[in-house]
């Protein structure tokens, strides 16, 4: 035993724990759709109704 750690195999990628490519882009698209939907709801439903009155 020489004290060296196991050598990584050449077919195994180094970034095994990372997220798949494009995950951040997909989350960004869903976030953008959420914001656009909220703004549509705000400006076409709540603003025309006006402020709350008692």
C-alpha atoms as a PDB file:
ATOM      1  CA  UNK A   1       0.000   0.000   0.000  1.00  0.00           C
ATOM      2  CA  UNK A   2       1.601   3.234  -1.120  1.00  0.00           C
ATOM      3  CA  UNK A   3      -0.794   5.700   0.570  1.00  0.00           C
ATOM      4  CA  UNK A   4      -2.151   7.142  -2.667  1.00  0.00           C
ATOM      5  CA  UNK A   5      -5.870   7.448  -3.197  1.00  0.00           C
ATOM      6  CA  UNK A   6      -7.737   5.606  -5.919  1.00  0.00           C
ATOM      7  CA  UNK A   7      -7.140   6.893  -9.399  1.00  0.00           C
ATOM      8  CA  UNK A   8     -10.260   8.173 -11.165  1.00  0.00           C
ATOM      9  CA  UNK A   9     -11.348   6.174 -14.172  1.00  0.00           C
ATOM     10  CA  UNK A  10     -11.082   8.030 -17.499  1.00  0.00           C
ATOM     11  CA  UNK A  11     -14.721   7.431 -18.499  1.00  0.00           C
ATOM     12  CA  UNK A  12     -16.114   8.992 -15.301  1.00  0.00           C
ATOM     13  CA  UNK A  13     -16.851  12.752 -15.564  1.00  0.00           C
ATOM     14  CA  UNK A  14     -15.428  15.077 -12.909  1.00  0.00           C
ATOM     15  CA  UNK A  15     -18.638  17.125 -12.440  1.00  0.00           C
ATOM     16  CA  UNK A  16     -20.810  14.262 -11.245  1.00  0.00           C
ATOM     17  CA  UNK A  17     -22.568  16.304  -8.534  1.00  0.00           C
ATOM     18  CA  UNK A  18     -23.383  19.305 -10.730  1.00  0.00           C
ATOM     19  CA  UNK A  19     -26.796  20.128 -12.154  1.00  0.00           C
ATOM     20  CA  UNK A  20     -27.588  19.274 -15.781  1.00  0.00           C
ATOM     21  CA  UNK A  21     -26.915  21.940 -18.367  1.00  0.00           C
ATOM     22  CA  UNK A  22     -29.945  24.092 -19.037  1.00  0.00           C
ATOM     23  CA  UNK A  23     -31.506  23.739 -15.586  1.00  0.00           C
ATOM     24  CA  UNK A  24     -30.896  27.378 -14.776  1.00  0.00           C
ATOM     25  CA  UNK A  25     -32.356  28.403 -18.137  1.00  0.00           C
ATOM     26  CA  UNK A  26     -35.523  26.367 -17.522  1.00  0.00           C
ATOM     27  CA  UNK A  27     -35.938  27.888 -14.058  1.00  0.00           C
ATOM     28  CA  UNK A  28     -35.415  31.335 -15.541  1.00  0.00           C
ATOM     29  CA  UNK A  29     -38.144  30.726 -18.130  1.00  0.00           C
ATOM     30  CA  UNK A  30     -40.580  29.554 -15.442  1.00  0.00           C
ATOM     31  CA  UNK A  31     -39.713  32.573 -13.299  1.00  0.00           C
ATOM     32  CA  UNK A  32     -40.224  34.924 -16.230  1.00  0.00           C
ATOM     33  CA  UNK A  33     -43.591  33.326 -17.025  1.00  0.00           C
ATOM     34  CA  UNK A  34     -44.623  33.726 -13.393  1.00  0.00           C
ATOM     35  CA  UNK A  35     -43.687  37.422 -13.343  1.00  0.00           C
ATOM     36  CA  UNK A  36     -45.405  38.120 -16.677  1.00  0.00           C
ATOM     37  CA  UNK A  37     -48.541  36.303 -15.503  1.00  0.00           C
ATOM     38  CA  UNK A  38     -48.568  38.254 -12.252  1.00  0.00           C
ATOM     39  CA  UNK A  39     -48.182  41.575 -14.078  1.00  0.00           C
ATOM     40  CA  UNK A  40     -50.994  40.689 -16.487  1.00  0.00           C
ATOM     41  CA  UNK A  41     -53.252  39.813 -13.567  1.00  0.00           C
ATOM     42  CA  UNK A  42     -52.292  43.020 -11.747  1.00  0.00           C
ATOM     43  CA  UNK A  43     -52.739  45.478 -14.599  1.00  0.00           C
ATOM     44  CA  UNK A  44     -55.809  43.914 -16.242  1.00  0.00           C
ATOM     45  CA  UNK A  45     -57.735  42.791 -13.148  1.00  0.00           C
ATOM     46  CA  UNK A  46     -56.748  44.695 -10.027  1.00  0.00           C
ATOM     47  CA  UNK A  47     -55.868  48.148 -11.386  1.00  0.00           C
ATOM     48  CA  UNK A  48     -59.147  48.577 -13.332  1.00  0.00           C
ATOM     49  CA  UNK A  49     -61.142  47.690 -10.193  1.00  0.00           C
ATOM     50  CA  UNK A  50     -59.565  50.564  -8.301  1.00  0.00           C
ATOM     51  CA  UNK A  51     -58.729  50.919  -4.631  1.00  0.00           C
ATOM     52  CA  UNK A  52     -60.701  49.216  -1.901  1.00  0.00           C
ATOM     53  CA  UNK A  53     -63.499  51.271  -0.377  1.00  0.00           C
ATOM     54  CA  UNK A  54     -65.542  50.626   2.720  1.00  0.00           C
END
